[in-house]
Amino acid sequence: MDYKESCPSVSIPSSDEHREKKKRFTVYKVMVSVGRSEWFVFRRYAEFDKLYNTLRKHFPAMALKIPAKRIFGDNFDP
């Protein structure tokens, strides 16, 4: 397996709004591909935020950024 085949590719092809009791939240569908293997995982924003903070802590020289949790006020307000 060469480098290109072993390098993972990650994308977020879709997201869905969910409601649990009175809380609303978004779940992101994350597609991971490595070589010929492909799988999906589902994650909430808080999990991306936790990963971001862990990566920043371990790799402070990297210029990492993630989008804000709310871009335009209430994400669920039509």
N, C-alpha and C. Protein backbone atom coordinates (compact mmCIF):
# COMPACT_ATOMS: atom_id res chain seq x y z
N MET A 1 0.85 -1.18 0.00
CA MET A 1 0.00 0.00 0.00
C MET A 1 0.90 1.24 0.00
N ASP A 2 0.68 2.14 -0.96
CA ASP A 2 1.50 3.34 -1.00
C ASP A 2 0.91 4.42 -0.10
N TYR A 3 1.65 5.54 -0.01
CA TYR A 3 1.26 6.62 0.91
C TYR A 3 -0.15 7.13 0.63
N LYS A 4 -0.47 7.35 -0.65
CA LYS A 4 -1.77 7.92 -0.99
C LYS A 4 -2.92 7.01 -0.57
N GLU A 5 -2.72 5.70 -0.68
CA GLU A 5 -3.76 4.75 -0.29
C GLU A 5 -3.92 4.68 1.23
N SER A 6 -2.84 4.94 1.98
CA SER A 6 -2.92 4.82 3.44
C SER A 6 -3.31 6.14 4.12
N CYS A 7 -3.34 7.22 3.37
CA CYS A 7 -3.71 8.53 3.93
C CYS A 7 -5.24 8.63 3.99
N PRO A 8 -5.80 8.85 5.17
CA PRO A 8 -7.27 8.91 5.27
C PRO A 8 -7.85 10.16 4.64
N SER A 9 -9.04 10.01 4.13
CA SER A 9 -9.82 11.12 3.60
C SER A 9 -11.07 11.24 4.47
N VAL A 10 -11.39 12.46 4.91
CA VAL A 10 -12.53 12.66 5.80
C VAL A 10 -13.41 13.77 5.22
N SER A 11 -14.71 13.51 5.18
CA SER A 11 -15.65 14.54 4.73
C SER A 11 -16.94 14.45 5.56
N ILE A 12 -17.72 15.51 5.51
CA ILE A 12 -19.00 15.55 6.22
C ILE A 12 -20.08 15.78 5.16
N PRO A 13 -20.63 14.67 4.62
CA PRO A 13 -21.60 14.81 3.53
C PRO A 13 -22.98 15.30 3.94
N SER A 14 -23.34 15.17 5.22
CA SER A 14 -24.67 15.61 5.62
C SER A 14 -24.76 15.82 7.12
N SER A 15 -25.85 16.43 7.52
CA SER A 15 -26.14 16.62 8.95
C SER A 15 -27.64 16.55 9.14
N ASP A 16 -28.05 16.19 10.34
CA ASP A 16 -29.47 16.09 10.67
C ASP A 16 -29.74 16.77 12.00
N GLU A 17 -30.90 17.39 12.10
CA GLU A 17 -31.32 18.00 13.35
C GLU A 17 -32.07 16.96 14.17
N HIS A 18 -31.78 16.91 15.46
CA HIS A 18 -32.42 15.96 16.37
C HIS A 18 -33.00 16.71 17.56
N ARG A 19 -33.96 16.09 18.19
CA ARG A 19 -34.56 16.64 19.40
C ARG A 19 -34.57 15.53 20.44
N GLU A 20 -34.03 15.85 21.61
CA GLU A 20 -34.02 14.92 22.73
C GLU A 20 -34.59 15.65 23.93
N LYS A 21 -35.75 15.23 24.35
CA LYS A 21 -36.52 15.95 25.36
C LYS A 21 -36.77 17.35 24.81
N LYS A 22 -36.30 18.39 25.45
CA LYS A 22 -36.53 19.74 24.92
C LYS A 22 -35.28 20.33 24.27
N LYS A 23 -34.23 19.54 24.16
CA LYS A 23 -32.99 20.04 23.56
C LYS A 23 -32.93 19.68 22.07
N ARG A 24 -32.51 20.66 21.27
CA ARG A 24 -32.30 20.42 19.85
C ARG A 24 -30.80 20.45 19.58
N PHE A 25 -30.36 19.57 18.70
CA PHE A 25 -28.94 19.53 18.36
C PHE A 25 -28.76 18.95 16.96
N THR A 26 -27.59 19.17 16.41
CA THR A 26 -27.25 18.68 15.08
C THR A 26 -26.28 17.52 15.20
N VAL A 27 -26.52 16.49 14.41
CA VAL A 27 -25.61 15.35 14.33
C VAL A 27 -25.04 15.34 12.91
N TYR A 28 -23.72 15.26 12.82
CA TYR A 28 -23.01 15.29 11.54
C TYR A 28 -22.64 13.88 11.12
N LYS A 29 -22.88 13.57 9.86
CA LYS A 29 -22.47 12.28 9.29
C LYS A 29 -21.06 12.47 8.73
N VAL A 30 -20.11 11.74 9.28
CA VAL A 30 -18.70 11.88 8.90
C VAL A 30 -18.30 10.64 8.10
N MET A 31 -17.82 10.84 6.88
CA MET A 31 -17.37 9.73 6.04
C MET A 31 -15.84 9.66 6.09
N VAL A 32 -15.32 8.48 6.41
CA VAL A 32 -13.88 8.26 6.48
C VAL A 32 -13.53 7.21 5.44
N SER A 33 -12.52 7.51 4.61
CA SER A 33 -12.05 6.56 3.59
C SER A 33 -10.56 6.37 3.75
N VAL A 34 -10.14 5.11 3.73
CA VAL A 34 -8.72 4.77 3.74
C VAL A 34 -8.55 3.66 2.72
N GLY A 35 -7.81 3.97 1.66
CA GLY A 35 -7.67 2.98 0.59
C GLY A 35 -9.04 2.64 0.03
N ARG A 36 -9.36 1.35 0.02
CA ARG A 36 -10.67 0.91 -0.49
C ARG A 36 -11.72 0.78 0.61
N SER A 37 -11.33 1.01 1.84
CA SER A 37 -12.28 0.92 2.96
C SER A 37 -12.95 2.27 3.19
N GLU A 38 -14.22 2.21 3.53
CA GLU A 38 -14.99 3.43 3.77
C GLU A 38 -16.01 3.15 4.87
N TRP A 39 -16.17 4.09 5.79
CA TRP A 39 -17.17 3.93 6.84
C TRP A 39 -17.67 5.29 7.28
N PHE A 40 -18.79 5.25 8.00
CA PHE A 40 -19.42 6.47 8.49
C PHE A 40 -19.49 6.44 10.01
N VAL A 41 -19.33 7.61 10.61
CA VAL A 41 -19.56 7.78 12.04
C VAL A 41 -20.44 9.02 12.19
N PHE A 42 -21.15 9.11 13.28
CA PHE A 42 -22.04 10.23 13.53
C PHE A 42 -21.58 10.95 14.78
N ARG A 43 -21.38 12.26 14.67
CA ARG A 43 -20.83 13.04 15.78
C ARG A 43 -21.56 14.36 15.95
N ARG A 44 -21.59 14.83 17.20
CA ARG A 44 -22.14 16.14 17.52
C ARG A 44 -21.01 17.16 17.57
N TYR A 45 -21.39 18.45 17.52
CA TYR A 45 -20.40 19.52 17.53
C TYR A 45 -19.48 19.43 18.75
N ALA A 46 -20.02 19.11 19.90
CA ALA A 46 -19.22 19.04 21.13
C ALA A 46 -18.06 18.05 20.99
N GLU A 47 -18.27 16.99 20.23
CA GLU A 47 -17.19 16.01 20.03
C GLU A 47 -16.09 16.58 19.14
N PHE A 48 -16.46 17.37 18.13
CA PHE A 48 -15.46 18.04 17.31
C PHE A 48 -14.69 19.06 18.15
N ASP A 49 -15.40 19.77 19.02
CA ASP A 49 -14.78 20.76 19.89
C ASP A 49 -13.77 20.10 20.84
N LYS A 50 -14.13 18.96 21.38
CA LYS A 50 -13.23 18.22 22.27
C LYS A 50 -11.98 17.77 21.51
N LEU A 51 -12.16 17.25 20.30
CA LEU A 51 -11.02 16.84 19.47
C LEU A 51 -10.13 18.03 19.16
N TYR A 52 -10.74 19.15 18.79
CA TYR A 52 -10.00 20.38 18.49
C TYR A 52 -9.14 20.82 19.67
N ASN A 53 -9.72 20.84 20.86
CA ASN A 53 -8.97 21.26 22.05
C ASN A 53 -7.84 20.29 22.40
N THR A 54 -8.07 19.01 22.20
CA THR A 54 -7.02 18.01 22.44
C THR A 54 -5.88 18.19 21.44
N LEU A 55 -6.20 18.38 20.17
CA LEU A 55 -5.17 18.57 19.15
C LEU A 55 -4.38 19.85 19.40
N ARG A 56 -5.07 20.93 19.77
CA ARG A 56 -4.38 22.19 20.08
C ARG A 56 -3.41 22.03 21.24
N LYS A 57 -3.81 21.26 22.23
CA LYS A 57 -2.97 21.03 23.41
C LYS A 57 -1.71 20.25 23.03
N HIS A 58 -1.86 19.23 22.20
CA HIS A 58 -0.73 18.38 21.83
C HIS A 58 0.11 18.93 20.68
N PHE A 59 -0.49 19.78 19.85
CA PHE A 59 0.21 20.34 18.69
C PHE A 59 -0.01 21.86 18.64
N PRO A 60 0.54 22.60 19.61
CA PRO A 60 0.26 24.04 19.70
C PRO A 60 0.76 24.84 18.49
N ALA A 61 1.75 24.33 17.76
CA ALA A 61 2.28 25.07 16.62
C ALA A 61 1.37 25.00 15.39
N MET A 62 0.45 24.05 15.38
CA MET A 62 -0.45 23.91 14.23
C MET A 62 -1.53 24.98 14.30
N ALA A 63 -1.85 25.55 13.16
CA ALA A 63 -2.90 26.58 13.08
C ALA A 63 -4.24 25.89 12.80
N LEU A 64 -4.82 25.33 13.84
CA LEU A 64 -6.09 24.62 13.69
C LEU A 64 -7.26 25.55 13.97
N LYS A 65 -8.33 25.40 13.17
CA LYS A 65 -9.54 26.18 13.38
C LYS A 65 -10.74 25.30 13.06
N ILE A 66 -11.82 25.53 13.81
CA ILE A 66 -13.09 24.90 13.48
C ILE A 66 -14.14 26.00 13.45
N PRO A 67 -15.22 25.78 12.71
CA PRO A 67 -16.27 26.81 12.67
C PRO A 67 -16.91 27.00 14.04
N ALA A 68 -17.49 28.16 14.23
CA ALA A 68 -18.21 28.43 15.48
C ALA A 68 -19.42 27.51 15.60
N LYS A 69 -19.84 27.27 16.82
CA LYS A 69 -21.00 26.40 17.04
C LYS A 69 -22.25 26.99 16.40
N ARG A 70 -22.42 28.28 16.55
CA ARG A 70 -23.55 28.97 15.93
C ARG A 70 -22.99 30.03 14.99
N ILE A 71 -23.30 29.90 13.73
CA ILE A 71 -22.78 30.84 12.75
C ILE A 71 -23.69 32.07 12.63
N PHE A 72 -24.99 31.84 12.58
CA PHE A 72 -25.95 32.93 12.41
C PHE A 72 -27.03 32.87 13.49
N GLY A 73 -26.67 33.07 14.74
CA GLY A 73 -27.66 33.04 15.81
C GLY A 73 -28.16 31.63 16.08
N ASP A 74 -29.47 31.47 16.19
CA ASP A 74 -30.08 30.17 16.47
C ASP A 74 -30.11 29.35 15.19
N ASN A 75 -29.38 28.25 15.15
CA ASN A 75 -29.32 27.39 13.97
C ASN A 75 -30.67 26.79 13.60
N PHE A 76 -31.59 26.73 14.56
CA PHE A 76 -32.87 26.09 14.31
C PHE A 76 -34.00 27.07 14.03
N ASP A 77 -33.71 28.37 14.06
CA ASP A 77 -34.72 29.38 13.81
C ASP A 77 -34.87 29.56 12.30
N PRO A 78 -36.06 29.28 11.74
CA PRO A 78 -36.23 29.39 10.28
C PRO A 78 -36.16 30.76 9.79
